[in-house]
């Protein structure tokens, strides 16, 4: 398995997810709903992960089907968890 390319692609996916969280963050600032800090924490975590994966040295750009399966499954699970973090941090849902 080519772990460097896997982490590099996951970093790109999480950078895109951080960009998609910017409009709700801006809306949260505009309407002052109190969830601004939860979006900021989540976006910071996504950007931090994306920046750390940027420095992986990829010698080969070849992705095997096994690598692709790991990328897709990890991206779906992690994107769902990162997408739920603003709800968790804002405590808007009762636990």
PDB file of N, CA and C in Angstrom:
ATOM      1  N   UNK A   1       0.837  -1.185   0.000  1.00  0.00           N
ATOM      2  CA  UNK A   1       0.000   0.000   0.000  1.00  0.00           C
ATOM      3  C   UNK A   1       0.879   1.244   0.000  1.00  0.00           C
ATOM      4  N   UNK A   2       0.448   2.223  -0.719  1.00  0.00           N
ATOM      5  CA  UNK A   2       1.169   3.478  -0.839  1.00  0.00           C
ATOM      6  C   UNK A   2       0.542   4.490   0.137  1.00  0.00           C
ATOM      7  N   UNK A   3       0.991   4.451   1.404  1.00  0.00           N
ATOM      8  CA  UNK A   3       0.380   5.276   2.443  1.00  0.00           C
ATOM      9  C   UNK A   3       0.592   6.764   2.213  1.00  0.00           C
ATOM     10  N   UNK A   4       1.678   7.146   1.599  1.00  0.00           N
ATOM     11  CA  UNK A   4       1.939   8.568   1.360  1.00  0.00           C
ATOM     12  C   UNK A   4       0.890   9.168   0.440  1.00  0.00           C
ATOM     13  N   UNK A   5       0.563   8.485  -0.646  1.00  0.00           N
ATOM     14  CA  UNK A   5      -0.446   9.023  -1.565  1.00  0.00           C
ATOM     15  C   UNK A   5      -1.836   8.956  -0.946  1.00  0.00           C
ATOM     16  N   UNK A   6      -2.081   7.959  -0.101  1.00  0.00           N
ATOM     17  CA  UNK A   6      -3.374   7.860   0.578  1.00  0.00           C
ATOM     18  C   UNK A   6      -3.580   9.061   1.493  1.00  0.00           C
ATOM     19  N   UNK A   7      -2.575   9.369   2.304  1.00  0.00           N
ATOM     20  CA  UNK A   7      -2.697  10.512   3.212  1.00  0.00           C
ATOM     21  C   UNK A   7      -2.741  11.832   2.454  1.00  0.00           C
ATOM     22  N   UNK A   8      -2.017  11.913   1.353  1.00  0.00           N
ATOM     23  CA  UNK A   8      -2.026  13.147   0.565  1.00  0.00           C
ATOM     24  C   UNK A   8      -3.419  13.402  -0.031  1.00  0.00           C
ATOM     25  N   UNK A   9      -4.057  12.366  -0.552  1.00  0.00           N
ATOM     26  CA  UNK A   9      -5.390  12.520  -1.118  1.00  0.00           C
ATOM     27  C   UNK A   9      -6.411  12.823  -0.024  1.00  0.00           C
ATOM     28  N   UNK A  10      -6.280  12.168   1.127  1.00  0.00           N
ATOM     29  CA  UNK A  10      -7.180  12.465   2.242  1.00  0.00           C
ATOM     30  C   UNK A  10      -7.008  13.908   2.710  1.00  0.00           C
ATOM     31  N   UNK A  11      -5.794  14.409   2.686  1.00  0.00           N
ATOM     32  CA  UNK A  11      -5.561  15.807   3.041  1.00  0.00           C
ATOM     33  C   UNK A  11      -6.257  16.760   2.087  1.00  0.00           C
ATOM     34  N   UNK A  12      -6.243  16.440   0.812  1.00  0.00           N
ATOM     35  CA  UNK A  12      -6.943  17.272  -0.174  1.00  0.00           C
ATOM     36  C   UNK A  12      -8.448  17.240   0.073  1.00  0.00           C
ATOM     37  N   UNK A  13      -8.969  16.060   0.365  1.00  0.00           N
ATOM     38  CA  UNK A  13     -10.406  15.931   0.631  1.00  0.00           C
ATOM     39  C   UNK A  13     -10.802  16.739   1.858  1.00  0.00           C
ATOM     40  N   UNK A  14      -9.978  16.707   2.902  1.00  0.00           N
ATOM     41  CA  UNK A  14     -10.315  17.449   4.109  1.00  0.00           C
ATOM     42  C   UNK A  14     -10.126  18.950   3.935  1.00  0.00           C
ATOM     43  N   UNK A  15      -9.228  19.363   3.063  1.00  0.00           N
ATOM     44  CA  UNK A  15      -9.108  20.786   2.752  1.00  0.00           C
ATOM     45  C   UNK A  15     -10.369  21.276   2.036  1.00  0.00           C
ATOM     46  N   UNK A  16     -10.896  20.455   1.139  1.00  0.00           N
ATOM     47  CA  UNK A  16     -12.141  20.813   0.449  1.00  0.00           C
ATOM     48  C   UNK A  16     -13.300  20.857   1.448  1.00  0.00           C
ATOM     49  N   UNK A  17     -13.322  19.921   2.383  1.00  0.00           N
ATOM     50  CA  UNK A  17     -14.382  19.935   3.403  1.00  0.00           C
ATOM     51  C   UNK A  17     -14.283  21.195   4.260  1.00  0.00           C
ATOM     52  N   UNK A  18     -13.073  21.623   4.578  1.00  0.00           N
ATOM     53  CA  UNK A  18     -12.904  22.863   5.342  1.00  0.00           C
ATOM     54  C   UNK A  18     -13.431  24.054   4.547  1.00  0.00           C
ATOM     55  N   UNK A  19     -13.214  24.054   3.237  1.00  0.00           N
ATOM     56  CA  UNK A  19     -13.758  25.136   2.405  1.00  0.00           C
ATOM     57  C   UNK A  19     -15.279  25.119   2.392  1.00  0.00           C
ATOM     58  N   UNK A  20     -15.860  23.921   2.395  1.00  0.00           N
ATOM     59  CA  UNK A  20     -17.321  23.821   2.405  1.00  0.00           C
ATOM     60  C   UNK A  20     -17.922  24.226   3.753  1.00  0.00           C
ATOM     61  N   UNK A  21     -17.119  24.268   4.790  1.00  0.00           N
ATOM     62  CA  UNK A  21     -17.613  24.714   6.089  1.00  0.00           C
ATOM     63  C   UNK A  21     -17.499  26.222   6.272  1.00  0.00           C
ATOM     64  N   UNK A  22     -16.873  26.904   5.342  1.00  0.00           N
ATOM     65  CA  UNK A  22     -16.757  28.361   5.465  1.00  0.00           C
ATOM     66  C   UNK A  22     -18.102  29.084   5.334  1.00  0.00           C
ATOM     67  N   UNK A  23     -18.984  28.741   4.382  1.00  0.00           N
ATOM     68  CA  UNK A  23     -20.277  29.442   4.333  1.00  0.00           C
ATOM     69  C   UNK A  23     -21.113  29.311   5.613  1.00  0.00           C
ATOM     70  N   UNK A  24     -21.234  28.116   6.232  1.00  0.00           N
ATOM     71  CA  UNK A  24     -21.961  28.081   7.499  1.00  0.00           C
ATOM     72  C   UNK A  24     -21.264  28.871   8.608  1.00  0.00           C
ATOM     73  N   UNK A  25     -19.936  28.905   8.572  1.00  0.00           N
ATOM     74  CA  UNK A  25     -19.189  29.693   9.546  1.00  0.00           C
ATOM     75  C   UNK A  25     -19.500  31.177   9.388  1.00  0.00           C
ATOM     76  N   UNK A  26     -19.506  31.655   8.158  1.00  0.00           N
ATOM     77  CA  UNK A  26     -19.815  33.068   7.891  1.00  0.00           C
ATOM     78  C   UNK A  26     -21.259  33.376   8.265  1.00  0.00           C
ATOM     79  N   UNK A  27     -22.172  32.469   7.970  1.00  0.00           N
ATOM     80  CA  UNK A  27     -23.577  32.656   8.346  1.00  0.00           C
ATOM     81  C   UNK A  27     -23.733  32.673   9.865  1.00  0.00           C
ATOM     82  N   UNK A  28     -22.980  31.849  10.546  1.00  0.00           N
ATOM     83  CA  UNK A  28     -23.029  31.821  12.006  1.00  0.00           C
ATOM     84  C   UNK A  28     -22.544  33.142  12.596  1.00  0.00           C
ATOM     85  N   UNK A  29     -21.546  33.731  11.963  1.00  0.00           N
ATOM     86  CA  UNK A  29     -21.079  35.051  12.409  1.00  0.00           C
ATOM     87  C   UNK A  29     -22.156  36.097  12.148  1.00  0.00           C
ATOM     88  N   UNK A  30     -22.793  36.021  10.979  1.00  0.00           N
ATOM     89  CA  UNK A  30     -23.773  37.037  10.590  1.00  0.00           C
ATOM     90  C   UNK A  30     -25.017  37.025  11.480  1.00  0.00           C
ATOM     91  N   UNK A  31     -25.506  35.835  11.817  1.00  0.00           N
ATOM     92  CA  UNK A  31     -26.740  35.786  12.604  1.00  0.00           C
ATOM     93  C   UNK A  31     -26.486  35.623  14.100  1.00  0.00           C
ATOM     94  N   UNK A  32     -25.227  35.517  14.488  1.00  0.00           N
ATOM     95  CA  UNK A  32     -24.816  35.439  15.902  1.00  0.00           C
ATOM     96  C   UNK A  32     -25.588  34.364  16.656  1.00  0.00           C
ATOM     97  N   UNK A  33     -25.478  33.139  16.166  1.00  0.00           N
ATOM     98  CA  UNK A  33     -26.216  32.043  16.788  1.00  0.00           C
ATOM     99  C   UNK A  33     -25.421  31.308  17.858  1.00  0.00           C
ATOM    100  N   UNK A  34     -24.175  31.666  18.077  1.00  0.00           N
ATOM    101  CA  UNK A  34     -23.382  31.051  19.127  1.00  0.00           C
ATOM    102  C   UNK A  34     -22.605  29.824  18.699  1.00  0.00           C
ATOM    103  N   UNK A  35     -22.701  29.428  17.443  1.00  0.00           N
ATOM    104  CA  UNK A  35     -21.992  28.243  16.966  1.00  0.00           C
ATOM    105  C   UNK A  35     -20.705  28.601  16.231  1.00  0.00           C
ATOM    106  N   UNK A  36     -20.313  29.856  16.295  1.00  0.00           N
ATOM    107  CA  UNK A  36     -19.134  30.309  15.564  1.00  0.00           C
ATOM    108  C   UNK A  36     -17.871  29.579  16.017  1.00  0.00           C
ATOM    109  N   UNK A  37     -17.719  29.432  17.309  1.00  0.00           N
ATOM    110  CA  UNK A  37     -16.506  28.783  17.813  1.00  0.00           C
ATOM    111  C   UNK A  37     -16.457  27.305  17.434  1.00  0.00           C
ATOM    112  N   UNK A  38     -17.606  26.655  17.368  1.00  0.00           N
ATOM    113  CA  UNK A  38     -17.605  25.236  16.998  1.00  0.00           C
ATOM    114  C   UNK A  38     -17.195  25.051  15.539  1.00  0.00           C
ATOM    115  N   UNK A  39     -17.637  25.950  14.664  1.00  0.00           N
ATOM    116  CA  UNK A  39     -17.202  25.877  13.269  1.00  0.00           C
ATOM    117  C   UNK A  39     -15.719  26.205  13.144  1.00  0.00           C
ATOM    118  N   UNK A  40     -15.261  27.169  13.915  1.00  0.00           N
ATOM    119  CA  UNK A  40     -13.852  27.555  13.857  1.00  0.00           C
ATOM    120  C   UNK A  40     -12.950  26.411  14.326  1.00  0.00           C
ATOM    121  N   UNK A  41     -13.339  25.712  15.366  1.00  0.00           N
ATOM    122  CA  UNK A  41     -12.555  24.576  15.858  1.00  0.00           C
ATOM    123  C   UNK A  41     -12.497  23.477  14.802  1.00  0.00           C
ATOM    124  N   UNK A  42     -13.643  23.171  14.205  1.00  0.00           N
ATOM    125  CA  UNK A  42     -13.697  22.107  13.204  1.00  0.00           C
ATOM    126  C   UNK A  42     -12.892  22.464  11.962  1.00  0.00           C
ATOM    127  N   UNK A  43     -13.031  23.687  11.496  1.00  0.00           N
ATOM    128  CA  UNK A  43     -12.263  24.119  10.317  1.00  0.00           C
ATOM    129  C   UNK A  43     -10.766  24.094  10.631  1.00  0.00           C
ATOM    130  N   UNK A  44     -10.396  24.492  11.834  1.00  0.00           N
ATOM    131  CA  UNK A  44      -8.980  24.468  12.223  1.00  0.00           C
ATOM    132  C   UNK A  44      -8.430  23.044  12.236  1.00  0.00           C
ATOM    133  N   UNK A  45      -9.210  22.102  12.760  1.00  0.00           N
ATOM    134  CA  UNK A  45      -8.771  20.705  12.765  1.00  0.00           C
ATOM    135  C   UNK A  45      -8.609  20.167  11.344  1.00  0.00           C
ATOM    136  N   UNK A  46      -9.537  20.495  10.473  1.00  0.00           N
ATOM    137  CA  UNK A  46      -9.451  20.028   9.088  1.00  0.00           C
ATOM    138  C   UNK A  46      -8.245  20.628   8.373  1.00  0.00           C
ATOM    139  N   UNK A  47      -8.016  21.913   8.572  1.00  0.00           N
ATOM    140  CA  UNK A  47      -6.874  22.567   7.925  1.00  0.00           C
ATOM    141  C   UNK A  47      -5.565  22.027   8.493  1.00  0.00           C
ATOM    142  N   UNK A  48      -5.515  21.785   9.792  1.00  0.00           N
ATOM    143  CA  UNK A  48      -4.316  21.222  10.402  1.00  0.00           C
ATOM    144  C   UNK A  48      -3.997  19.851   9.819  1.00  0.00           C
ATOM    145  N   UNK A  49      -5.013  19.014   9.677  1.00  0.00           N
ATOM    146  CA  UNK A  49      -4.795  17.696   9.083  1.00  0.00           C
ATOM    147  C   UNK A  49      -4.358  17.823   7.624  1.00  0.00           C
ATOM    148  N   UNK A  50      -4.999  18.733   6.888  1.00  0.00           N
ATOM    149  CA  UNK A  50      -4.649  18.909   5.476  1.00  0.00           C
ATOM    150  C   UNK A  50      -3.211  19.410   5.320  1.00  0.00           C
ATOM    151  N   UNK A  51      -2.791  20.301   6.191  1.00  0.00           N
ATOM    152  CA  UNK A  51      -1.427  20.826   6.092  1.00  0.00           C
ATOM    153  C   UNK A  51      -0.383  19.786   6.484  1.00  0.00           C
ATOM    154  N   UNK A  52      -0.684  18.940   7.460  1.00  0.00           N
ATOM    155  CA  UNK A  52       0.293  17.920   7.838  1.00  0.00           C
ATOM    156  C   UNK A  52       0.440  16.862   6.754  1.00  0.00           C
ATOM    157  N   UNK A  53      -0.608  16.592   6.009  1.00  0.00           N
ATOM    158  CA  UNK A  53      -0.489  15.597   4.942  1.00  0.00           C
ATOM    159  C   UNK A  53       0.148  16.171   3.690  1.00  0.00           C
ATOM    160  N   UNK A  54       0.262  17.466   3.610  1.00  0.00           N
ATOM    161  CA  UNK A  54       0.866  18.086   2.430  1.00  0.00           C
ATOM    162  C   UNK A  54       2.354  17.754   2.307  1.00  0.00           C
ATOM    163  N   UNK A  55       3.001  17.471   3.422  1.00  0.00           N
ATOM    164  CA  UNK A  55       4.436  17.261   3.422  1.00  0.00           C
ATOM    165  C   UNK A  55       4.853  15.811   3.213  1.00  0.00           C
ATOM    166  N   UNK A  56       3.893  14.934   2.936  1.00  0.00           N
ATOM    167  CA  UNK A  56       4.254  13.549   2.631  1.00  0.00           C
ATOM    168  C   UNK A  56       4.910  13.503   1.257  1.00  0.00           C
ATOM    169  N   UNK A  57       6.011  12.793   1.174  1.00  0.00           N
ATOM    170  CA  UNK A  57       6.744  12.677  -0.081  1.00  0.00           C
ATOM    171  C   UNK A  57       6.187  11.492  -0.871  1.00  0.00           C
ATOM    172  N   UNK A  58       5.558  11.781  -1.983  1.00  0.00           N
ATOM    173  CA  UNK A  58       4.976  10.717  -2.807  1.00  0.00           C
ATOM    174  C   UNK A  58       5.925  10.403  -3.948  1.00  0.00           C
ATOM    175  N   UNK A  59       6.500   9.222  -3.899  1.00  0.00           N
ATOM    176  CA  UNK A  59       7.403   8.799  -4.959  1.00  0.00           C
ATOM    177  C   UNK A  59       6.623   8.286  -6.165  1.00  0.00           C
ATOM    178  N   UNK A  60       5.570   7.564  -5.873  1.00  0.00           N
ATOM    179  CA  UNK A  60       4.769   6.984  -6.939  1.00  0.00           C
ATOM    180  C   UNK A  60       3.344   7.519  -6.844  1.00  0.00           C
ATOM    181  N   UNK A  61       2.797   7.903  -7.962  1.00  0.00           N
ATOM    182  CA  UNK A  61       1.423   8.388  -7.995  1.00  0.00           C
ATOM    183  C   UNK A  61       0.440   7.292  -8.366  1.00  0.00           C
ATOM    184  N   UNK A  62       0.909   6.078  -8.377  1.00  0.00           N
ATOM    185  CA  UNK A  62       0.065   4.957  -8.756  1.00  0.00           C
ATOM    186  C   UNK A  62      -0.813   4.534  -7.579  1.00  0.00           C
ATOM    187  N   UNK A  63      -2.113   4.430  -7.831  1.00  0.00           N
ATOM    188  CA  UNK A  63      -3.064   4.018  -6.814  1.00  0.00           C
ATOM    189  C   UNK A  63      -3.633   2.667  -7.224  1.00  0.00           C
ATOM    190  N   UNK A  64      -3.496   1.703  -6.347  1.00  0.00           N
ATOM    191  CA  UNK A  64      -4.052   0.383  -6.620  1.00  0.00           C
ATOM    192  C   UNK A  64      -5.525   0.373  -6.194  1.00  0.00           C
ATOM    193  N   UNK A  65      -6.299  -0.605  -6.638  1.00  0.00           N
ATOM    194  CA  UNK A  65      -7.694  -0.686  -6.184  1.00  0.00           C
ATOM    195  C   UNK A  65      -7.814  -0.783  -4.659  1.00  0.00           C
ATOM    196  N   UNK A  66      -6.868  -1.447  -4.040  1.00  0.00           N
ATOM    197  CA  UNK A  66      -6.880  -1.557  -2.584  1.00  0.00           C
ATOM    198  C   UNK A  66      -6.665  -0.188  -1.937  1.00  0.00           C
ATOM    199  N   UNK A  67      -5.757   0.607  -2.497  1.00  0.00           N
ATOM    200  CA  UNK A  67      -5.547   1.970  -2.005  1.00  0.00           C
ATOM    201  C   UNK A  67      -6.799   2.813  -2.190  1.00  0.00           C
ATOM    202  N   UNK A  68      -7.425   2.675  -3.335  1.00  0.00           N
ATOM    203  CA  UNK A  68      -8.640   3.427  -3.624  1.00  0.00           C
ATOM    204  C   UNK A  68      -9.765   3.096  -2.662  1.00  0.00           C
ATOM    205  N   UNK A  69      -9.906   1.823  -2.340  1.00  0.00           N
ATOM    206  CA  UNK A  69     -10.930   1.411  -1.385  1.00  0.00           C
ATOM    207  C   UNK A  69     -10.660   2.020  -0.012  1.00  0.00           C
ATOM    208  N   UNK A  70      -9.402   2.018   0.403  1.00  0.00           N
ATOM    209  CA  UNK A  70      -9.057   2.609   1.691  1.00  0.00           C
ATOM    210  C   UNK A  70      -9.288   4.115   1.691  1.00  0.00           C
ATOM    211  N   UNK A  71      -8.959   4.786   0.602  1.00  0.00           N
ATOM    212  CA  UNK A  71      -9.160   6.228   0.504  1.00  0.00           C
ATOM    213  C   UNK A  71     -10.641   6.563   0.599  1.00  0.00           C
ATOM    214  N   UNK A  72     -11.459   5.869  -0.177  1.00  0.00           N
ATOM    215  CA  UNK A  72     -12.890   6.177  -0.214  1.00  0.00           C
ATOM    216  C   UNK A  72     -13.565   5.873   1.116  1.00  0.00           C
ATOM    217  N   UNK A  73     -13.274   4.712   1.685  1.00  0.00           N
ATOM    218  CA  UNK A  73     -13.928   4.354   2.944  1.00  0.00           C
ATOM    219  C   UNK A  73     -13.484   5.267   4.089  1.00  0.00           C
ATOM    220  N   UNK A  74     -12.208   5.579   4.150  1.00  0.00           N
ATOM    221  CA  UNK A  74     -11.719   6.471   5.194  1.00  0.00           C
ATOM    222  C   UNK A  74     -12.252   7.883   5.009  1.00  0.00           C
ATOM    223  N   UNK A  75     -12.319   8.343   3.774  1.00  0.00           N
ATOM    224  CA  UNK A  75     -12.823   9.690   3.514  1.00  0.00           C
ATOM    225  C   UNK A  75     -14.289   9.813   3.914  1.00  0.00           C
ATOM    226  N   UNK A  76     -15.110   8.832   3.594  1.00  0.00           N
ATOM    227  CA  UNK A  76     -16.528   8.889   3.949  1.00  0.00           C
ATOM    228  C   UNK A  76     -16.713   8.889   5.459  1.00  0.00           C
ATOM    229  N   UNK A  77     -16.013   8.007   6.144  1.00  0.00           N
ATOM    230  CA  UNK A  77     -16.171   7.921   7.601  1.00  0.00           C
ATOM    231  C   UNK A  77     -15.650   9.178   8.283  1.00  0.00           C
ATOM    232  N   UNK A  78     -14.449   9.604   7.911  1.00  0.00           N
ATOM    233  CA  UNK A  78     -13.856  10.775   8.551  1.00  0.00           C
ATOM    234  C   UNK A  78     -14.599  12.061   8.199  1.00  0.00           C
ATOM    235  N   UNK A  79     -15.060  12.192   6.962  1.00  0.00           N
ATOM    236  CA  UNK A  79     -15.814  13.390   6.576  1.00  0.00           C
ATOM    237  C   UNK A  79     -17.131  13.458   7.347  1.00  0.00           C
ATOM    238  N   UNK A  80     -17.756  12.317   7.577  1.00  0.00           N
ATOM    239  CA  UNK A  80     -18.986  12.305   8.373  1.00  0.00           C
ATOM    240  C   UNK A  80     -18.705  12.715   9.810  1.00  0.00           C
ATOM    241  N   UNK A  81     -17.621  12.203  10.370  1.00  0.00           N
ATOM    242  CA  UNK A  81     -17.284  12.559  11.749  1.00  0.00           C
ATOM    243  C   UNK A  81     -16.889  14.030  11.873  1.00  0.00           C
ATOM    244  N   UNK A  82     -16.074  14.523  10.946  1.00  0.00           N
ATOM    245  CA  UNK A  82     -15.701  15.938  10.977  1.00  0.00           C
ATOM    246  C   UNK A  82     -16.912  16.831  10.718  1.00  0.00           C
ATOM    247  N   UNK A  83     -17.830  16.378   9.870  1.00  0.00           N
ATOM    248  CA  UNK A  83     -19.036  17.159   9.601  1.00  0.00           C
ATOM    249  C   UNK A  83     -19.960  17.248  10.799  1.00  0.00           C
ATOM    250  N   UNK A  84     -19.896  16.264  11.687  1.00  0.00           N
ATOM    251  CA  UNK A  84     -20.737  16.271  12.883  1.00  0.00           C
ATOM    252  C   UNK A  84     -20.098  17.029  14.045  1.00  0.00           C
ATOM    253  N   UNK A  85     -18.826  17.347  13.942  1.00  0.00           N
ATOM    254  CA  UNK A  85     -18.150  18.029  15.050  1.00  0.00           C
ATOM    255  C   UNK A  85     -18.766  19.378  15.417  1.00  0.00           C
ATOM    256  N   UNK A  86     -19.194  20.210  14.470  1.00  0.00           N
ATOM    257  CA  UNK A  86     -19.821  21.470  14.891  1.00  0.00           C
ATOM    258  C   UNK A  86     -21.069  21.261  15.747  1.00  0.00           C
ATOM    259  N   UNK A  87     -21.842  20.238  15.450  1.00  0.00           N
ATOM    260  CA  UNK A  87     -23.013  19.951  16.283  1.00  0.00           C
ATOM    261  C   UNK A  87     -22.581  19.510  17.678  1.00  0.00           C
ATOM    262  N   UNK A  88     -21.541  18.730  17.756  1.00  0.00           N
ATOM    263  CA  UNK A  88     -21.051  18.253  19.046  1.00  0.00           C
ATOM    264  C   UNK A  88     -20.471  19.401  19.877  1.00  0.00           C
ATOM    265  N   UNK A  89     -19.655  20.240  19.247  1.00  0.00           N
ATOM    266  CA  UNK A  89     -19.026  21.343  19.978  1.00  0.00           C
ATOM    267  C   UNK A  89     -20.008  22.434  20.376  1.00  0.00           C
ATOM    268  N   UNK A  90     -21.051  22.653  19.588  1.00  0.00           N
ATOM    269  CA  UNK A  90     -22.000  23.730  19.900  1.00  0.00           C
ATOM    270  C   UNK A  90     -22.994  23.319  20.971  1.00  0.00           C
ATOM    271  N   UNK A  91     -23.068  22.032  21.289  1.00  0.00           N
ATOM    272  CA  UNK A  91     -23.984  21.495  22.287  1.00  0.00           C
ATOM    273  C   UNK A  91     -25.431  21.872  22.000  1.00  0.00           C
ATOM    274  N   UNK A  92     -25.770  21.970  20.725  1.00  0.00           N
ATOM    275  CA  UNK A  92     -27.142  22.310  20.355  1.00  0.00           C
ATOM    276  C   UNK A  92     -28.059  21.090  20.366  1.00  0.00           C
ATOM    277  N   UNK A  93     -27.460  19.909  20.377  1.00  0.00           N
ATOM    278  CA  UNK A  93     -28.254  18.677  20.453  1.00  0.00           C
ATOM    279  C   UNK A  93     -28.150  18.114  21.866  1.00  0.00           C
ATOM    280  N   UNK A  94     -29.246  17.746  22.463  1.00  0.00           N
ATOM    281  CA  UNK A  94     -29.152  17.161  23.810  1.00  0.00           C
ATOM    282  C   UNK A  94     -28.525  15.772  23.768  1.00  0.00           C
ATOM    283  N   UNK A  95     -27.735  15.463  24.763  1.00  0.00           N
ATOM    284  CA  UNK A  95     -27.092  14.147  24.812  1.00  0.00           C
ATOM    285  C   UNK A  95     -27.654  13.291  25.924  1.00  0.00           C
TER     286      UNK A  95
END
